[in-house]
Amino acid sequence: MPYPASGDALVPIAVAPNTIVAQIWQELLADEGIPVLLRMTSPLFGYISQDSPCEVSVRAEHEAQAREILAAFHADAQDFVLEDEDVDEFVGDEDRSSEQ
């Protein structure tokens, strides 16, 4: 998937906490035919790393669709978050109390 051309209007749609998350989002959007430009946003340019925040931009024409895709991804991600009672079922109450 090519990056957006320099003449296209780009719209930042999100800031990922790090490059790994940004690349996951980029792949999700690319799978839907939306080209993405990632840009590191660290305030200290010399200290950019994988842990640096990353701005995710798309063409203005794809903004609404891209936001919907990322919102749906995050809604689905909640399906994989364990609640405390689910953790207790797998770990056991006595094991969790030793962690604290």
N, C-alpha and C. Protein backbone atom coordinates (compact mmCIF):
# COMPACT_ATOMS: atom_id res chain seq x y z
N MET A 1 0.85 -1.18 0.00
CA MET A 1 0.00 0.00 0.00
C MET A 1 0.89 1.23 0.00
N PRO A 2 0.80 2.07 -1.02
CA PRO A 2 1.66 3.26 -1.08
C PRO A 2 1.25 4.29 -0.04
N TYR A 3 2.23 5.06 0.39
CA TYR A 3 1.93 6.17 1.29
C TYR A 3 1.17 7.23 0.52
N PRO A 4 0.41 8.08 1.22
CA PRO A 4 -0.29 9.15 0.53
C PRO A 4 0.68 10.06 -0.21
N ALA A 5 0.28 10.52 -1.39
CA ALA A 5 1.11 11.42 -2.18
C ALA A 5 1.24 12.75 -1.47
N SER A 6 2.28 13.48 -1.79
CA SER A 6 2.56 14.72 -1.07
C SER A 6 1.49 15.79 -1.29
N GLY A 7 0.73 15.72 -2.38
CA GLY A 7 -0.30 16.71 -2.65
C GLY A 7 -1.62 16.43 -1.94
N ASP A 8 -1.77 15.23 -1.39
CA ASP A 8 -3.02 14.87 -0.72
C ASP A 8 -3.09 15.52 0.66
N ALA A 9 -4.30 15.95 1.03
CA ALA A 9 -4.51 16.52 2.36
C ALA A 9 -4.52 15.38 3.37
N LEU A 10 -3.62 15.45 4.35
CA LEU A 10 -3.55 14.42 5.39
C LEU A 10 -4.21 14.91 6.65
N VAL A 11 -4.88 14.00 7.33
CA VAL A 11 -5.57 14.32 8.56
C VAL A 11 -5.08 13.37 9.65
N PRO A 12 -4.54 13.90 10.75
CA PRO A 12 -4.17 13.01 11.85
C PRO A 12 -5.44 12.48 12.52
N ILE A 13 -5.52 11.16 12.68
CA ILE A 13 -6.73 10.57 13.26
C ILE A 13 -6.50 9.99 14.64
N ALA A 14 -5.24 9.76 15.00
CA ALA A 14 -4.94 9.18 16.30
C ALA A 14 -3.47 9.32 16.60
N VAL A 15 -3.14 9.17 17.87
CA VAL A 15 -1.75 9.09 18.30
C VAL A 15 -1.60 7.77 19.05
N ALA A 16 -0.79 6.90 18.48
CA ALA A 16 -0.54 5.60 19.12
C ALA A 16 0.50 5.79 20.22
N PRO A 17 0.40 5.00 21.28
CA PRO A 17 1.35 5.15 22.39
C PRO A 17 2.78 4.76 22.03
N ASN A 18 2.93 3.94 20.98
CA ASN A 18 4.26 3.51 20.54
C ASN A 18 4.19 3.02 19.10
N THR A 19 5.34 2.73 18.51
CA THR A 19 5.36 2.33 17.10
C THR A 19 4.73 0.96 16.86
N ILE A 20 4.78 0.09 17.84
CA ILE A 20 4.18 -1.24 17.66
C ILE A 20 2.67 -1.12 17.48
N VAL A 21 2.03 -0.36 18.35
CA VAL A 21 0.58 -0.14 18.23
C VAL A 21 0.28 0.59 16.92
N ALA A 22 1.09 1.58 16.58
CA ALA A 22 0.87 2.33 15.34
C ALA A 22 0.93 1.40 14.13
N GLN A 23 1.85 0.46 14.12
CA GLN A 23 1.97 -0.47 13.00
C GLN A 23 0.79 -1.44 12.95
N ILE A 24 0.26 -1.81 14.10
CA ILE A 24 -0.95 -2.65 14.11
C ILE A 24 -2.11 -1.87 13.49
N TRP A 25 -2.27 -0.62 13.90
CA TRP A 25 -3.34 0.21 13.34
C TRP A 25 -3.13 0.42 11.84
N GLN A 26 -1.88 0.63 11.45
CA GLN A 26 -1.57 0.83 10.03
C GLN A 26 -1.99 -0.40 9.23
N GLU A 27 -1.70 -1.57 9.74
CA GLU A 27 -2.06 -2.82 9.05
C GLU A 27 -3.58 -2.98 8.97
N LEU A 28 -4.29 -2.66 10.05
CA LEU A 28 -5.76 -2.73 10.04
C LEU A 28 -6.34 -1.84 8.94
N LEU A 29 -5.84 -0.63 8.87
CA LEU A 29 -6.35 0.31 7.88
C LEU A 29 -5.94 -0.09 6.46
N ALA A 30 -4.71 -0.55 6.31
CA ALA A 30 -4.24 -0.98 4.99
C ALA A 30 -5.06 -2.15 4.47
N ASP A 31 -5.47 -3.04 5.36
CA ASP A 31 -6.32 -4.17 4.96
C ASP A 31 -7.66 -3.71 4.38
N GLU A 32 -8.06 -2.49 4.75
CA GLU A 32 -9.31 -1.91 4.23
C GLU A 32 -9.05 -0.96 3.07
N GLY A 33 -7.82 -0.94 2.58
CA GLY A 33 -7.48 -0.11 1.43
C GLY A 33 -7.19 1.35 1.76
N ILE A 34 -6.90 1.63 3.03
CA ILE A 34 -6.63 3.01 3.44
C ILE A 34 -5.13 3.19 3.66
N PRO A 35 -4.48 4.00 2.81
CA PRO A 35 -3.05 4.26 3.02
C PRO A 35 -2.85 5.09 4.28
N VAL A 36 -1.77 4.82 4.99
CA VAL A 36 -1.51 5.47 6.27
C VAL A 36 -0.09 6.04 6.27
N LEU A 37 0.06 7.19 6.90
CA LEU A 37 1.37 7.77 7.14
C LEU A 37 1.59 7.80 8.64
N LEU A 38 2.70 7.20 9.10
CA LEU A 38 3.05 7.23 10.52
C LEU A 38 4.16 8.25 10.72
N ARG A 39 4.05 9.02 11.80
CA ARG A 39 5.06 10.04 12.10
C ARG A 39 5.33 10.04 13.59
N MET A 40 6.60 9.86 13.94
CA MET A 40 6.99 9.88 15.35
C MET A 40 6.73 11.28 15.91
N THR A 41 6.24 11.36 17.15
CA THR A 41 5.89 12.66 17.71
C THR A 41 6.66 12.99 18.99
N SER A 42 7.76 12.33 19.21
CA SER A 42 8.56 12.61 20.40
C SER A 42 9.02 14.07 20.39
N PRO A 43 8.87 14.76 21.53
CA PRO A 43 9.30 16.16 21.58
C PRO A 43 10.83 16.30 21.49
N LEU A 44 11.53 15.25 21.80
CA LEU A 44 12.99 15.27 21.74
C LEU A 44 13.43 14.37 20.59
N PHE A 45 13.65 14.96 19.42
CA PHE A 45 13.90 14.19 18.21
C PHE A 45 15.04 13.20 18.37
N GLY A 46 16.07 13.55 19.09
CA GLY A 46 17.21 12.66 19.26
C GLY A 46 16.91 11.44 20.11
N TYR A 47 15.77 11.43 20.78
CA TYR A 47 15.43 10.34 21.69
C TYR A 47 14.25 9.51 21.19
N ILE A 48 14.04 9.46 19.91
CA ILE A 48 12.95 8.67 19.34
C ILE A 48 13.31 7.20 19.45
N SER A 49 12.34 6.42 19.91
CA SER A 49 12.53 4.97 20.02
C SER A 49 11.20 4.28 19.74
N GLN A 50 11.18 2.97 19.86
CA GLN A 50 9.93 2.22 19.67
C GLN A 50 8.87 2.63 20.68
N ASP A 51 9.30 3.18 21.80
CA ASP A 51 8.35 3.60 22.85
C ASP A 51 7.82 5.01 22.64
N SER A 52 8.26 5.68 21.59
CA SER A 52 7.80 7.04 21.33
C SER A 52 6.40 7.04 20.74
N PRO A 53 5.59 8.03 21.09
CA PRO A 53 4.26 8.13 20.48
C PRO A 53 4.38 8.32 18.97
N CYS A 54 3.35 7.90 18.27
CA CYS A 54 3.38 7.94 16.82
C CYS A 54 2.02 8.44 16.30
N GLU A 55 2.05 9.50 15.51
CA GLU A 55 0.83 10.05 14.93
C GLU A 55 0.43 9.24 13.70
N VAL A 56 -0.84 8.92 13.61
CA VAL A 56 -1.39 8.16 12.49
C VAL A 56 -2.23 9.10 11.65
N SER A 57 -1.84 9.27 10.38
CA SER A 57 -2.57 10.18 9.48
C SER A 57 -3.05 9.43 8.25
N VAL A 58 -4.20 9.87 7.74
CA VAL A 58 -4.77 9.30 6.51
C VAL A 58 -5.22 10.45 5.62
N ARG A 59 -5.54 10.13 4.38
CA ARG A 59 -6.11 11.15 3.48
C ARG A 59 -7.45 11.60 4.05
N ALA A 60 -7.75 12.86 3.83
CA ALA A 60 -9.00 13.43 4.35
C ALA A 60 -10.22 12.63 3.90
N GLU A 61 -10.18 12.12 2.69
CA GLU A 61 -11.32 11.35 2.16
C GLU A 61 -11.56 10.05 2.92
N HIS A 62 -10.54 9.56 3.63
CA HIS A 62 -10.66 8.30 4.37
C HIS A 62 -10.83 8.50 5.88
N GLU A 63 -10.89 9.74 6.32
CA GLU A 63 -10.89 10.03 7.76
C GLU A 63 -12.02 9.32 8.51
N ALA A 64 -13.25 9.49 8.08
CA ALA A 64 -14.39 8.91 8.80
C ALA A 64 -14.30 7.38 8.85
N GLN A 65 -13.98 6.77 7.72
CA GLN A 65 -13.88 5.31 7.68
C GLN A 65 -12.74 4.81 8.57
N ALA A 66 -11.62 5.49 8.55
CA ALA A 66 -10.47 5.09 9.37
C ALA A 66 -10.80 5.19 10.85
N ARG A 67 -11.47 6.27 11.25
CA ARG A 67 -11.86 6.42 12.66
C ARG A 67 -12.82 5.30 13.08
N GLU A 68 -13.75 4.94 12.21
CA GLU A 68 -14.70 3.86 12.51
C GLU A 68 -13.97 2.53 12.67
N ILE A 69 -13.01 2.26 11.82
CA ILE A 69 -12.25 1.00 11.88
C ILE A 69 -11.48 0.91 13.20
N LEU A 70 -10.80 2.00 13.57
CA LEU A 70 -10.04 1.97 14.82
C LEU A 70 -10.97 1.87 16.03
N ALA A 71 -12.11 2.55 15.98
CA ALA A 71 -13.07 2.47 17.09
C ALA A 71 -13.60 1.04 17.23
N ALA A 72 -13.91 0.40 16.11
CA ALA A 72 -14.41 -0.98 16.15
C ALA A 72 -13.32 -1.92 16.67
N PHE A 73 -12.08 -1.67 16.28
CA PHE A 73 -10.97 -2.50 16.76
C PHE A 73 -10.85 -2.40 18.27
N HIS A 74 -10.96 -1.20 18.80
CA HIS A 74 -10.83 -1.02 20.25
C HIS A 74 -12.03 -1.58 20.98
N ALA A 75 -13.20 -1.51 20.39
CA ALA A 75 -14.39 -2.11 21.01
C ALA A 75 -14.23 -3.63 21.08
N ASP A 76 -13.71 -4.22 20.00
CA ASP A 76 -13.48 -5.67 19.98
C ASP A 76 -12.37 -6.06 20.94
N ALA A 77 -11.39 -5.20 21.13
CA ALA A 77 -10.26 -5.51 22.02
C ALA A 77 -10.75 -5.69 23.45
N GLN A 78 -11.84 -5.03 23.81
CA GLN A 78 -12.38 -5.19 25.16
C GLN A 78 -12.86 -6.62 25.42
N ASP A 79 -13.14 -7.37 24.36
CA ASP A 79 -13.53 -8.76 24.52
C ASP A 79 -12.41 -9.60 25.12
N PHE A 80 -11.18 -9.12 25.00
CA PHE A 80 -10.03 -9.88 25.47
C PHE A 80 -9.48 -9.40 26.80
N VAL A 81 -10.14 -8.42 27.41
CA VAL A 81 -9.71 -7.91 28.70
C VAL A 81 -10.39 -8.74 29.79
N LEU A 82 -9.57 -9.30 30.67
CA LEU A 82 -10.10 -10.11 31.76
C LEU A 82 -10.53 -9.22 32.91
N GLU A 83 -11.71 -9.47 33.41
CA GLU A 83 -12.18 -8.80 34.61
C GLU A 83 -11.53 -9.47 35.81
N ASP A 84 -11.57 -8.82 36.99
CA ASP A 84 -10.93 -9.38 38.18
C ASP A 84 -11.45 -10.78 38.50
N GLU A 85 -12.75 -10.98 38.36
CA GLU A 85 -13.30 -12.31 38.68
C GLU A 85 -12.81 -13.37 37.70
N ASP A 86 -12.55 -12.97 36.44
CA ASP A 86 -12.01 -13.92 35.46
C ASP A 86 -10.58 -14.30 35.81
N VAL A 87 -9.81 -13.32 36.27
CA VAL A 87 -8.43 -13.59 36.66
C VAL A 87 -8.42 -14.52 37.87
N ASP A 88 -9.30 -14.26 38.84
CA ASP A 88 -9.37 -15.12 40.02
C ASP A 88 -9.66 -16.56 39.65
N GLU A 89 -10.48 -16.76 38.63
CA GLU A 89 -10.83 -18.10 38.18
C GLU A 89 -9.59 -18.85 37.68
N PHE A 90 -8.69 -18.13 36.99
CA PHE A 90 -7.50 -18.77 36.43
C PHE A 90 -6.34 -18.83 37.42
N VAL A 91 -6.19 -17.79 38.23
CA VAL A 91 -5.05 -17.69 39.12
C VAL A 91 -5.39 -18.19 40.51
N GLY A 92 -6.58 -17.88 40.97
CA GLY A 92 -6.98 -18.21 42.33
C GLY A 92 -6.78 -17.01 43.23
N ASP A 93 -7.71 -16.81 44.17
CA ASP A 93 -7.66 -15.65 45.06
C ASP A 93 -6.38 -15.61 45.89
N GLU A 94 -5.94 -16.76 46.38
CA GLU A 94 -4.76 -16.77 47.24
C GLU A 94 -3.50 -16.37 46.48
N ASP A 95 -3.41 -16.74 45.20
CA ASP A 95 -2.25 -16.38 44.40
C ASP A 95 -2.24 -14.88 44.10
N ARG A 96 -3.39 -14.30 43.87
CA ARG A 96 -3.46 -12.86 43.58
C ARG A 96 -3.12 -12.04 44.80
N SER A 97 -3.51 -12.48 46.00
CA SER A 97 -3.23 -11.70 47.18
C SER A 97 -1.73 -11.63 47.45
N SER A 98 -0.99 -12.64 47.03
CA SER A 98 0.47 -12.61 47.22
C SER A 98 1.14 -11.65 46.26
N GLU A 99 0.47 -11.31 45.15
CA GLU A 99 1.03 -10.36 44.18
C GLU A 99 1.01 -8.94 44.70
N GLN A 100 0.07 -8.62 45.57
CA GLN A 100 -0.11 -7.23 46.01
C GLN A 100 0.74 -6.87 47.14
